[in-house]
Each structure stands twice: as structure tokens, then as C-alpha cells.
Amino acid sequence: MKRYIIINLILFCFVSFSKSQDLGFRYLGQAEPTETPKIFQLPVMDGVAGERIAVSNDYKELYFTEIHPSNNTRHIVKRYRFNGSIWTGPYVLFDGYNEYGPSLSMDNSKLFINCDYCKRTETGWSQPVRFLNNKAIHYLQMTDYGNYYFLSFINDSTTDIYKMIVNSKDTTFQAFGLNMKSKVQNDYYIATDESYLLVSLNKIEIKCFGGKDIFIRFKTISGWSKPINLGNEINTDNAFTRFGMSLTPDKKFMFYSQVDPNGVHVFWVKVDDLFKRLREQAFSNE
């Protein structure tokens, strides 16, 4: 009996170790962060920054944008792939498009890059085509429910987040009514289950630790909760701006870009427990 228990214990430890080894390849093999953010290492050229990470559901593909601060008309979408033993890349996926901010559909069959999209093919991806021809949009996302969301201008000074509603007769756009100040280049991310929004807001609009902080707003019966600051572990006071928020498929980690005296870097941080605490805070104040 004792021998049987020992054998089972050894097998359990071996399986657990194997599973942990299997998961170790995620995120280019980089060690996962705690609730203290750290830089997500991306090899980019001098004077160039990485922005907006998108990770496939099987964690074997990672996409990001290489942005050229001195050339706003050139952004390069790049891809890493895990081949079963090592990560390969980054490969240039699209160059020559003034597009950035990759995001994947829930089944990973479509790749959205700002206001364009492409379809997965047997050999890779189709060429990007415009999603909407008559509306200037930023960071197109598709949620679990098949809904499309994007940020767009209301006028020269204000932006809002929109939901696209498609029916058999027409396509309409429903504004959230957040009315963010566009001249400070706000950004957003919507959870794939549509339960919360991440928004980047300027200190002109709301009290911030830095020049621009990341806030969360939770879905309520009547709309959205008031913005809650993610705290000064993430929103440090030395940063000029933060943007490019996105979450990993398991909603455990958040990526974001930060501009501070040390340059422009992509950071990542553990947020699953933090968001639970902030949700409790939001609804206790309702």
C-alpha cells in the first residue's frame, strides 16, 4: 500500500512538473510579473518602441506594433511564433500601412490592426482591408459576443467609444457617452466578456498620479461605473503618458505602453486579483 502511494505521488509530481514546463513557453518564455509592473522585453531598434501586445488563445503567437516616433506614417506589425520547442521571430507581418494596435478575434481567425482587418489563411494572413470606409476609428476589437467596438472622434476635441450594431437592414453605431478629450489622445480596451473598460485619461480630465493614468470602469445596469485609478504601482508619477492596454487570454496579465524619462517601453503586470478588488470597491460605492 505504501509503495502504491509513493508511486502515485511520484507520478503526480511528474505530471505537475510537466504541466508547469509546458506553460513555461508562454510570453516568449519571460518570467511572469507580480502586481508590480516590469518591462516586457521586445527587441526593437533604437528610437523605436513596441506597442499593443496581442496573444493568441493557444499562447503560441504574439503580435505587437513597432512604432517610429519620428515617423508617424510608419508602423510595423510584427509576429512571434512558438514552434513547439523555441520562439521564432519577430517576423515582419505588415509594413507600409499606417496601422497599429493588433487584436485578435476570439477564434483567432481574424486579425484587426486599428481600422483594418485580415483573415487567417493556410499560409498566414490575407492583406489588410478597411473595416469601415466612412468612419475614422481607432483600435477595433471583437468581443466574445461577436460585437465590435472602437474609439472614434465625435468632433475636433472629443472622442468616445462606440459599439457597432449590425442587423439585416442597417449598421448603426452606439456611443458610450464617455466624451473623452481627444486632444490628449485617449486610449481604451474592452474586456472580451464586456464586463469592464480600461481607459487612459489625462490629468486635465481627472486626478492622476502621472501625466496620464489607466483607469477601470465596470459595466453596471445603467451603464458604466465611475473611473477608478489602477493605483500608483501601475500609474507611477514619473510617466508622461500610458496607452496601448491589452490583456492576456486568461485575463491574468495586462500589457501597456509607458513614456517616461527612460524612454518608451511595454510593461506587463498581474491584474486579475487587483481587478476583483476594484470591482468590489466600484459596486460598494454604487
C-alpha atoms as a PDB file:
ATOM      1  CA  MET A   1       0.000   0.000   0.000  1.00  0.00           C
ATOM      2  CA  LYS A   2       2.803   2.385   0.964  1.00  0.00           C
ATOM      3  CA  ARG A   3       4.622   1.580  -2.290  1.00  0.00           C
ATOM      4  CA  TYR A   4       1.424   2.316  -4.250  1.00  0.00           C
ATOM      5  CA  ILE A   5       1.060   5.711  -2.552  1.00  0.00           C
ATOM      6  CA  ILE A   6       4.704   6.612  -3.243  1.00  0.00           C
ATOM      7  CA  ILE A   7       4.389   5.673  -6.929  1.00  0.00           C
ATOM      8  CA  ASN A   8       1.244   7.784  -7.264  1.00  0.00           C
ATOM      9  CA  LEU A   9       2.923  10.700  -5.505  1.00  0.00           C
ATOM     10  CA  ILE A  10       5.881  10.497  -7.896  1.00  0.00           C
ATOM     11  CA  LEU A  11       3.544  10.380 -10.894  1.00  0.00           C
ATOM     12  CA  PHE A  12       1.577  13.373  -9.574  1.00  0.00           C
ATOM     13  CA  CYS A  13       4.756  15.401  -9.100  1.00  0.00           C
ATOM     14  CA  PHE A  14       5.983  14.423 -12.577  1.00  0.00           C
ATOM     15  CA  VAL A  15       2.683  15.433 -14.217  1.00  0.00           C
ATOM     16  CA  SER A  16       2.598  18.709 -12.276  1.00  0.00           C
ATOM     17  CA  PHE A  17       6.189  19.453 -13.256  1.00  0.00           C
ATOM     18  CA  SER A  18       5.450  18.582 -16.890  1.00  0.00           C
ATOM     19  CA  LYS A  19       2.445  20.923 -16.915  1.00  0.00           C
ATOM     20  CA  SER A  20       4.484  23.749 -15.440  1.00  0.00           C
ATOM     21  CA  GLN A  21       7.167  23.103 -18.053  1.00  0.00           C
ATOM     22  CA  ASP A  22       4.518  23.089 -20.783  1.00  0.00           C
ATOM     23  CA  LEU A  23       3.261  26.504 -19.658  1.00  0.00           C
ATOM     24  CA  GLY A  24       6.766  27.954 -19.365  1.00  0.00           C
ATOM     25  CA  PHE A  25       6.898  28.776 -23.062  1.00  0.00           C
ATOM     26  CA  ARG A  26       4.186  31.454 -22.751  1.00  0.00           C
ATOM     27  CA  TYR A  27       5.015  35.122 -23.324  1.00  0.00           C
ATOM     28  CA  LEU A  28       8.326  34.428 -25.091  1.00  0.00           C
ATOM     29  CA  GLY A  29       9.432  32.441 -22.043  1.00  0.00           C
ATOM     30  CA  GLN A  30       9.700  35.571 -19.882  1.00  0.00           C
ATOM     31  CA  ALA A  31       9.106  35.256 -16.150  1.00  0.00           C
ATOM     32  CA  GLU A  32       5.595  36.353 -15.212  1.00  0.00           C
ATOM     33  CA  PRO A  33       5.242  39.607 -13.245  1.00  0.00           C
ATOM     34  CA  THR A  34       3.603  40.211  -9.880  1.00  0.00           C
ATOM     35  CA  GLU A  35       1.364  43.205  -9.128  1.00  0.00           C
ATOM     36  CA  THR A  36       4.493  45.313  -9.558  1.00  0.00           C
ATOM     37  CA  PRO A  37       4.877  46.049 -13.295  1.00  0.00           C
ATOM     38  CA  LYS A  38       8.034  45.173 -15.167  1.00  0.00           C
ATOM     39  CA  ILE A  39       9.237  45.744 -18.702  1.00  0.00           C
ATOM     40  CA  PHE A  40       8.187  43.167 -21.287  1.00  0.00           C
ATOM     41  CA  GLN A  41      11.305  42.695 -23.364  1.00  0.00           C
ATOM     42  CA  LEU A  42      10.813  43.292 -27.080  1.00  0.00           C
ATOM     43  CA  PRO A  43      13.747  43.628 -29.465  1.00  0.00           C
ATOM     44  CA  VAL A  44      13.217  46.933 -31.288  1.00  0.00           C
ATOM     45  CA  MET A  45      15.627  49.321 -32.984  1.00  0.00           C
ATOM     46  CA  ASP A  46      16.957  52.439 -31.303  1.00  0.00           C
ATOM     47  CA  GLY A  47      14.384  55.201 -31.285  1.00  0.00           C
ATOM     48  CA  VAL A  48      11.577  52.713 -31.881  1.00  0.00           C
ATOM     49  CA  ALA A  49       9.040  51.400 -29.401  1.00  0.00           C
ATOM     50  CA  GLY A  50       6.827  48.348 -29.136  1.00  0.00           C
ATOM     51  CA  GLU A  51       3.102  48.878 -28.612  1.00  0.00           C
ATOM     52  CA  ARG A  52      -0.115  46.899 -28.062  1.00  0.00           C
ATOM     53  CA  ILE A  53       0.507  43.207 -27.465  1.00  0.00           C
ATOM     54  CA  ALA A  54      -1.932  40.567 -28.777  1.00  0.00           C
ATOM     55  CA  VAL A  55      -1.554  36.927 -27.714  1.00  0.00           C
ATOM     56  CA  SER A  56      -3.323  34.010 -29.407  1.00  0.00           C
ATOM     57  CA  ASN A  57      -5.628  31.715 -27.433  1.00  0.00           C
ATOM     58  CA  ASP A  58      -3.101  28.871 -27.531  1.00  0.00           C
ATOM     59  CA  TYR A  59      -0.336  31.284 -26.424  1.00  0.00           C
ATOM     60  CA  LYS A  60       1.798  30.238 -29.406  1.00  0.00           C
ATOM     61  CA  GLU A  61       1.588  33.541 -31.294  1.00  0.00           C
ATOM     62  CA  LEU A  62       2.405  37.027 -30.083  1.00  0.00           C
ATOM     63  CA  TYR A  63       1.821  40.195 -32.115  1.00  0.00           C
ATOM     64  CA  PHE A  64       2.942  43.760 -31.486  1.00  0.00           C
ATOM     65  CA  THR A  65       3.480  47.049 -33.294  1.00  0.00           C
ATOM     66  CA  GLU A  66       6.843  48.675 -33.810  1.00  0.00           C
ATOM     67  CA  ILE A  67       6.201  52.401 -33.778  1.00  0.00           C
ATOM     68  CA  HIS A  68       8.564  55.068 -35.097  1.00  0.00           C
ATOM     69  CA  PRO A  69       8.145  58.240 -33.005  1.00  0.00           C
ATOM     70  CA  SER A  70       9.965  60.296 -35.656  1.00  0.00           C
ATOM     71  CA  ASN A  71       7.816  58.917 -38.488  1.00  0.00           C
ATOM     72  CA  ASN A  72       4.115  58.814 -37.632  1.00  0.00           C
ATOM     73  CA  THR A  73       3.248  57.381 -41.037  1.00  0.00           C
ATOM     74  CA  ARG A  74       5.220  54.181 -40.497  1.00  0.00           C
ATOM     75  CA  HIS A  75       4.189  51.429 -38.086  1.00  0.00           C
ATOM     76  CA  ILE A  76       5.268  47.804 -38.481  1.00  0.00           C
ATOM     77  CA  VAL A  77       3.162  44.898 -37.200  1.00  0.00           C
ATOM     78  CA  LYS A  78       5.382  42.003 -36.137  1.00  0.00           C
ATOM     79  CA  ARG A  79       4.747  38.431 -35.035  1.00  0.00           C
ATOM     80  CA  TYR A  80       6.449  35.793 -32.915  1.00  0.00           C
ATOM     81  CA  ARG A  81       5.593  32.098 -33.254  1.00  0.00           C
ATOM     82  CA  PHE A  82       6.297  29.173 -30.927  1.00  0.00           C
ATOM     83  CA  ASN A  83       7.182  26.069 -32.967  1.00  0.00           C
ATOM     84  CA  GLY A  84       6.883  23.539 -30.145  1.00  0.00           C
ATOM     85  CA  SER A  85      10.374  23.983 -28.758  1.00  0.00           C
ATOM     86  CA  ILE A  86      11.504  27.600 -29.276  1.00  0.00           C
ATOM     87  CA  TRP A  87      10.094  31.012 -30.152  1.00  0.00           C
ATOM     88  CA  THR A  88      10.936  32.262 -33.631  1.00  0.00           C
ATOM     89  CA  GLY A  89      10.811  35.850 -34.815  1.00  0.00           C
ATOM     90  CA  PRO A  90       9.917  38.576 -34.679  1.00  0.00           C
ATOM     91  CA  TYR A  91       8.815  38.462 -38.305  1.00  0.00           C
ATOM     92  CA  VAL A  92       7.513  41.495 -40.159  1.00  0.00           C
ATOM     93  CA  LEU A  93       3.837  40.821 -40.797  1.00  0.00           C
ATOM     94  CA  PHE A  94       2.778  44.170 -42.272  1.00  0.00           C
ATOM     95  CA  ASP A  95       4.898  47.164 -43.203  1.00  0.00           C
ATOM     96  CA  GLY A  96       3.843  50.201 -45.193  1.00  0.00           C
ATOM     97  CA  TYR A  97       0.427  50.525 -43.571  1.00  0.00           C
ATOM     98  CA  ASN A  98      -0.211  53.450 -41.247  1.00  0.00           C
ATOM     99  CA  GLU A  99      -1.791  50.963 -38.873  1.00  0.00           C
ATOM    100  CA  TYR A 100      -1.030  49.604 -35.431  1.00  0.00           C
ATOM    101  CA  GLY A 101      -2.700  48.064 -32.388  1.00  0.00           C
ATOM    102  CA  PRO A 102      -3.184  44.391 -33.352  1.00  0.00           C
ATOM    103  CA  SER A 103      -6.073  42.485 -31.767  1.00  0.00           C
ATOM    104  CA  LEU A 104      -7.389  39.003 -32.495  1.00  0.00           C
ATOM    105  CA  SER A 105     -10.960  37.757 -32.839  1.00  0.00           C
ATOM    106  CA  MET A 106     -11.973  35.227 -30.209  1.00  0.00           C
ATOM    107  CA  ASP A 107     -11.453  32.260 -32.536  1.00  0.00           C
ATOM    108  CA  ASN A 108      -8.187  33.822 -33.783  1.00  0.00           C
ATOM    109  CA  SER A 109      -9.412  33.662 -37.388  1.00  0.00           C
ATOM    110  CA  LYS A 110      -9.274  37.459 -37.856  1.00  0.00           C
ATOM    111  CA  LEU A 111      -6.567  39.967 -37.026  1.00  0.00           C
ATOM    112  CA  PHE A 112      -7.572  43.591 -36.561  1.00  0.00           C
ATOM    113  CA  ILE A 113      -4.949  46.310 -36.928  1.00  0.00           C
ATOM    114  CA  ASN A 114      -6.505  49.590 -35.890  1.00  0.00           C
ATOM    115  CA  CYS A 115      -9.178  50.186 -38.545  1.00  0.00           C
ATOM    116  CA  ASP A 116      -8.214  47.359 -40.938  1.00  0.00           C
ATOM    117  CA  TYR A 117      -8.616  43.595 -40.681  1.00  0.00           C
ATOM    118  CA  CYS A 118      -7.276  40.479 -42.335  1.00  0.00           C
ATOM    119  CA  LYS A 119      -8.248  36.808 -42.357  1.00  0.00           C
ATOM    120  CA  ARG A 120      -6.137  33.812 -41.438  1.00  0.00           C
ATOM    121  CA  THR A 121      -5.198  31.655 -44.428  1.00  0.00           C
ATOM    122  CA  GLU A 122      -3.389  28.345 -44.858  1.00  0.00           C
ATOM    123  CA  THR A 123      -0.145  30.228 -45.413  1.00  0.00           C
ATOM    124  CA  GLY A 124      -0.570  33.087 -42.913  1.00  0.00           C
ATOM    125  CA  TRP A 125      -2.777  36.173 -43.221  1.00  0.00           C
ATOM    126  CA  SER A 126      -4.580  37.915 -46.068  1.00  0.00           C
ATOM    127  CA  GLN A 127      -3.671  41.513 -46.894  1.00  0.00           C
ATOM    128  CA  PRO A 128      -5.389  44.086 -44.638  1.00  0.00           C
ATOM    129  CA  VAL A 129      -8.585  45.683 -45.912  1.00  0.00           C
ATOM    130  CA  ARG A 130     -10.513  48.614 -44.454  1.00  0.00           C
ATOM    131  CA  PHE A 131     -13.201  47.578 -41.968  1.00  0.00           C
ATOM    132  CA  LEU A 132     -15.259  50.770 -42.267  1.00  0.00           C
ATOM    133  CA  ASN A 133     -14.763  53.141 -45.153  1.00  0.00           C
ATOM    134  CA  ASN A 134     -16.801  56.060 -43.838  1.00  0.00           C
ATOM    135  CA  LYS A 135     -15.603  56.368 -40.249  1.00  0.00           C
ATOM    136  CA  ALA A 136     -12.214  57.102 -38.693  1.00  0.00           C
ATOM    137  CA  ILE A 137     -11.718  54.508 -35.977  1.00  0.00           C
ATOM    138  CA  HIS A 138      -9.010  53.512 -33.511  1.00  0.00           C
ATOM    139  CA  TYR A 139      -8.248  50.069 -32.069  1.00  0.00           C
ATOM    140  CA  LEU A 140     -11.013  47.865 -33.410  1.00  0.00           C
ATOM    141  CA  GLN A 141     -11.883  44.988 -31.058  1.00  0.00           C
ATOM    142  CA  MET A 142     -14.213  41.997 -31.266  1.00  0.00           C
ATOM    143  CA  THR A 143     -15.625  40.501 -28.044  1.00  0.00           C
ATOM    144  CA  ASP A 144     -16.860  37.041 -27.015  1.00  0.00           C
ATOM    145  CA  TYR A 145     -20.358  38.009 -28.172  1.00  0.00           C
ATOM    146  CA  GLY A 146     -19.276  38.904 -31.696  1.00  0.00           C
ATOM    147  CA  ASN A 147     -19.718  42.623 -31.033  1.00  0.00           C
ATOM    148  CA  TYR A 148     -17.331  45.208 -32.479  1.00  0.00           C
ATOM    149  CA  TYR A 149     -16.012  48.182 -30.521  1.00  0.00           C
ATOM    150  CA  PHE A 150     -13.747  51.069 -31.430  1.00  0.00           C
ATOM    151  CA  LEU A 151     -12.769  54.578 -30.411  1.00  0.00           C
ATOM    152  CA  SER A 152     -13.629  57.452 -32.736  1.00  0.00           C
ATOM    153  CA  PHE A 153     -13.952  61.228 -32.876  1.00  0.00           C
ATOM    154  CA  ILE A 154     -17.206  62.973 -32.017  1.00  0.00           C
ATOM    155  CA  ASN A 155     -15.700  66.318 -33.005  1.00  0.00           C
ATOM    156  CA  ASP A 156     -12.277  68.007 -33.035  1.00  0.00           C
ATOM    157  CA  SER A 157     -11.959  67.955 -29.252  1.00  0.00           C
ATOM    158  CA  THR A 158     -13.835  64.852 -28.058  1.00  0.00           C
ATOM    159  CA  THR A 159     -13.662  61.111 -28.578  1.00  0.00           C
ATOM    160  CA  ASP A 160     -15.937  58.307 -27.461  1.00  0.00           C
ATOM    161  CA  ILE A 161     -16.082  54.521 -27.559  1.00  0.00           C
ATOM    162  CA  TYR A 162     -18.619  53.021 -29.945  1.00  0.00           C
ATOM    163  CA  LYS A 163     -20.380  49.695 -30.286  1.00  0.00           C
ATOM    164  CA  MET A 164     -21.241  48.673 -33.830  1.00  0.00           C
ATOM    165  CA  ILE A 165     -24.716  47.176 -34.140  1.00  0.00           C
ATOM    166  CA  VAL A 166     -25.406  45.154 -37.276  1.00  0.00           C
ATOM    167  CA  ASN A 167     -28.842  43.911 -38.332  1.00  0.00           C
ATOM    168  CA  SER A 168     -30.410  42.760 -41.579  1.00  0.00           C
ATOM    169  CA  LYS A 169     -31.352  46.304 -42.601  1.00  0.00           C
ATOM    170  CA  ASP A 170     -28.651  48.613 -41.345  1.00  0.00           C
ATOM    171  CA  THR A 171     -25.433  49.151 -39.419  1.00  0.00           C
ATOM    172  CA  THR A 172     -25.594  51.663 -36.577  1.00  0.00           C
ATOM    173  CA  PHE A 173     -23.120  52.956 -34.006  1.00  0.00           C
ATOM    174  CA  GLN A 174     -23.972  53.302 -30.339  1.00  0.00           C
ATOM    175  CA  ALA A 175     -21.813  55.772 -28.387  1.00  0.00           C
ATOM    176  CA  PHE A 176     -20.962  55.039 -24.759  1.00  0.00           C
ATOM    177  CA  GLY A 177     -21.323  58.711 -23.825  1.00  0.00           C
ATOM    178  CA  LEU A 178     -17.925  58.916 -22.095  1.00  0.00           C
ATOM    179  CA  ASN A 179     -16.911  62.047 -24.066  1.00  0.00           C
ATOM    180  CA  MET A 180     -13.148  61.848 -23.547  1.00  0.00           C
ATOM    181  CA  LYS A 181     -10.872  64.737 -24.534  1.00  0.00           C
ATOM    182  CA  SER A 182      -9.353  63.771 -27.875  1.00  0.00           C
ATOM    183  CA  LYS A 183      -6.587  66.365 -27.831  1.00  0.00           C
ATOM    184  CA  VAL A 184      -4.797  64.323 -25.173  1.00  0.00           C
ATOM    185  CA  GLN A 185      -5.020  61.133 -27.279  1.00  0.00           C
ATOM    186  CA  ASN A 186      -7.017  58.847 -25.017  1.00  0.00           C
ATOM    187  CA  ASP A 187      -6.943  55.085 -25.417  1.00  0.00           C
ATOM    188  CA  TYR A 188      -9.140  52.176 -24.331  1.00  0.00           C
ATOM    189  CA  TYR A 189      -9.550  48.403 -24.033  1.00  0.00           C
ATOM    190  CA  ILE A 190     -12.802  46.499 -23.514  1.00  0.00           C
ATOM    191  CA  ALA A 191     -12.835  43.143 -21.737  1.00  0.00           C
ATOM    192  CA  THR A 192     -13.739  40.270 -24.035  1.00  0.00           C
ATOM    193  CA  ASP A 193     -16.750  39.497 -21.805  1.00  0.00           C
ATOM    194  CA  GLU A 194     -17.674  43.225 -21.921  1.00  0.00           C
ATOM    195  CA  SER A 195     -17.686  43.450 -18.126  1.00  0.00           C
ATOM    196  CA  TYR A 196     -15.228  46.339 -17.848  1.00  0.00           C
ATOM    197  CA  LEU A 197     -13.389  49.052 -19.759  1.00  0.00           C
ATOM    198  CA  LEU A 198      -9.828  50.224 -19.359  1.00  0.00           C
ATOM    199  CA  VAL A 199      -9.365  53.868 -20.316  1.00  0.00           C
ATOM    200  CA  SER A 200      -6.334  56.100 -20.345  1.00  0.00           C
ATOM    201  CA  LEU A 201      -7.235  59.564 -19.054  1.00  0.00           C
ATOM    202  CA  ASN A 202      -5.274  62.806 -18.836  1.00  0.00           C
ATOM    203  CA  LYS A 203      -4.762  64.774 -15.634  1.00  0.00           C
ATOM    204  CA  ILE A 204      -6.718  67.623 -17.266  1.00  0.00           C
ATOM    205  CA  GLU A 205      -9.823  65.398 -17.053  1.00  0.00           C
ATOM    206  CA  ILE A 206      -9.302  63.603 -13.747  1.00  0.00           C
ATOM    207  CA  LYS A 207      -6.827  63.393 -10.865  1.00  0.00           C
ATOM    208  CA  CYS A 208      -3.810  61.318 -11.909  1.00  0.00           C
ATOM    209  CA  PHE A 209      -0.521  60.188 -10.380  1.00  0.00           C
ATOM    210  CA  GLY A 210       1.307  60.815 -13.671  1.00  0.00           C
ATOM    211  CA  GLY A 211       0.567  62.796 -16.816  1.00  0.00           C
ATOM    212  CA  LYS A 212      -1.918  60.197 -17.993  1.00  0.00           C
ATOM    213  CA  ASP A 213      -3.113  57.199 -15.953  1.00  0.00           C
ATOM    214  CA  ILE A 214      -5.000  53.974 -16.651  1.00  0.00           C
ATOM    215  CA  PHE A 215      -8.472  53.700 -15.096  1.00  0.00           C
ATOM    216  CA  ILE A 216     -11.062  50.919 -14.994  1.00  0.00           C
ATOM    217  CA  ARG A 217     -14.843  51.260 -15.400  1.00  0.00           C
ATOM    218  CA  PHE A 218     -17.164  48.333 -14.686  1.00  0.00           C
ATOM    219  CA  LYS A 219     -20.376  47.535 -16.535  1.00  0.00           C
ATOM    220  CA  THR A 220     -23.473  48.334 -14.480  1.00  0.00           C
ATOM    221  CA  ILE A 221     -27.201  48.003 -15.084  1.00  0.00           C
ATOM    222  CA  SER A 222     -27.405  51.662 -16.057  1.00  0.00           C
ATOM    223  CA  GLY A 223     -24.118  51.984 -17.924  1.00  0.00           C
ATOM    224  CA  TRP A 224     -20.577  52.197 -16.555  1.00  0.00           C
ATOM    225  CA  SER A 225     -19.184  52.858 -13.099  1.00  0.00           C
ATOM    226  CA  LYS A 226     -17.092  55.920 -12.379  1.00  0.00           C
ATOM    227  CA  PRO A 227     -13.410  55.617 -13.393  1.00  0.00           C
ATOM    228  CA  ILE A 228     -11.201  54.019 -10.734  1.00  0.00           C
ATOM    229  CA  ASN A 229      -7.453  54.590 -10.878  1.00  0.00           C
ATOM    230  CA  LEU A 230      -5.439  51.340 -11.070  1.00  0.00           C
ATOM    231  CA  GLY A 231      -3.131  52.713  -8.384  1.00  0.00           C
ATOM    232  CA  ASN A 232       0.384  54.110  -8.252  1.00  0.00           C
ATOM    233  CA  GLU A 233       2.126  50.729  -8.601  1.00  0.00           C
ATOM    234  CA  ILE A 234       0.999  50.904 -12.239  1.00  0.00           C
ATOM    235  CA  ASN A 235       0.391  54.643 -12.594  1.00  0.00           C
ATOM    236  CA  THR A 236       3.739  55.892 -11.332  1.00  0.00           C
ATOM    237  CA  ASP A 237       4.294  59.622 -11.055  1.00  0.00           C
ATOM    238  CA  ASN A 238       7.343  59.680 -13.360  1.00  0.00           C
ATOM    239  CA  ALA A 239       5.438  58.779 -16.550  1.00  0.00           C
ATOM    240  CA  PHE A 240       4.241  61.311 -19.089  1.00  0.00           C
ATOM    241  CA  THR A 241       1.639  59.028 -20.641  1.00  0.00           C
ATOM    242  CA  ARG A 242       0.316  55.463 -20.787  1.00  0.00           C
ATOM    243  CA  PHE A 243      -1.559  53.782 -23.624  1.00  0.00           C
ATOM    244  CA  GLY A 244      -1.911  50.534 -25.567  1.00  0.00           C
ATOM    245  CA  MET A 245      -3.657  48.463 -22.869  1.00  0.00           C
ATOM    246  CA  SER A 246      -4.463  44.804 -23.595  1.00  0.00           C
ATOM    247  CA  LEU A 247      -4.972  41.614 -21.596  1.00  0.00           C
ATOM    248  CA  THR A 248      -3.733  38.064 -21.973  1.00  0.00           C
ATOM    249  CA  PRO A 249      -6.338  35.428 -23.000  1.00  0.00           C
ATOM    250  CA  ASP A 250      -6.706  34.218 -19.391  1.00  0.00           C
ATOM    251  CA  LYS A 251      -7.239  37.854 -18.237  1.00  0.00           C
ATOM    252  CA  LYS A 252      -4.433  37.421 -15.722  1.00  0.00           C
ATOM    253  CA  PHE A 253      -1.930  39.967 -17.050  1.00  0.00           C
ATOM    254  CA  MET A 254      -2.202  43.411 -18.596  1.00  0.00           C
ATOM    255  CA  PHE A 255       0.213  44.887 -21.132  1.00  0.00           C
ATOM    256  CA  TYR A 256       0.527  48.627 -21.624  1.00  0.00           C
ATOM    257  CA  SER A 257       2.988  51.138 -23.062  1.00  0.00           C
ATOM    258  CA  GLN A 258       4.552  53.890 -20.986  1.00  0.00           C
ATOM    259  CA  VAL A 259       6.505  57.016 -21.898  1.00  0.00           C
ATOM    260  CA  ASP A 260       8.805  58.246 -19.121  1.00  0.00           C
ATOM    261  CA  PRO A 261      12.289  59.794 -18.806  1.00  0.00           C
ATOM    262  CA  ASN A 262      13.816  56.386 -19.628  1.00  0.00           C
ATOM    263  CA  GLY A 263      12.065  56.150 -22.995  1.00  0.00           C
ATOM    264  CA  VAL A 264       9.086  54.186 -24.318  1.00  0.00           C
ATOM    265  CA  HIS A 265       8.591  50.625 -23.113  1.00  0.00           C
ATOM    266  CA  VAL A 266       5.914  47.944 -22.946  1.00  0.00           C
ATOM    267  CA  PHE A 267       5.187  46.908 -19.361  1.00  0.00           C
ATOM    268  CA  TRP A 268       3.176  43.986 -18.072  1.00  0.00           C
ATOM    269  CA  VAL A 269       1.619  43.379 -14.663  1.00  0.00           C
ATOM    270  CA  LYS A 270      -0.601  40.846 -12.877  1.00  0.00           C
ATOM    271  CA  VAL A 271      -4.118  42.325 -12.626  1.00  0.00           C
ATOM    272  CA  ASP A 272      -6.659  39.528 -12.032  1.00  0.00           C
ATOM    273  CA  ASP A 273      -6.775  39.935  -8.236  1.00  0.00           C
ATOM    274  CA  LEU A 274      -6.434  43.717  -8.499  1.00  0.00           C
ATOM    275  CA  PHE A 275      -9.479  43.931 -10.778  1.00  0.00           C
ATOM    276  CA  LYS A 276     -11.505  41.801  -8.353  1.00  0.00           C
ATOM    277  CA  ARG A 277     -10.682  44.207  -5.527  1.00  0.00           C
ATOM    278  CA  LEU A 278     -11.523  47.232  -7.657  1.00  0.00           C
ATOM    279  CA  ARG A 279     -14.814  45.646  -8.731  1.00  0.00           C
ATOM    280  CA  GLU A 280     -15.806  45.246  -5.084  1.00  0.00           C
ATOM    281  CA  GLN A 281     -14.820  48.869  -4.499  1.00  0.00           C
ATOM    282  CA  ALA A 282     -16.838  50.076  -7.501  1.00  0.00           C
ATOM    283  CA  PHE A 283     -20.038  48.301  -6.518  1.00  0.00           C
ATOM    284  CA  SER A 284     -19.748  49.119  -2.817  1.00  0.00           C
ATOM    285  CA  ASN A 285     -19.911  52.776  -3.854  1.00  0.00           C
ATOM    286  CA  GLU A 286     -22.951  52.337  -6.150  1.00  0.00           C
END
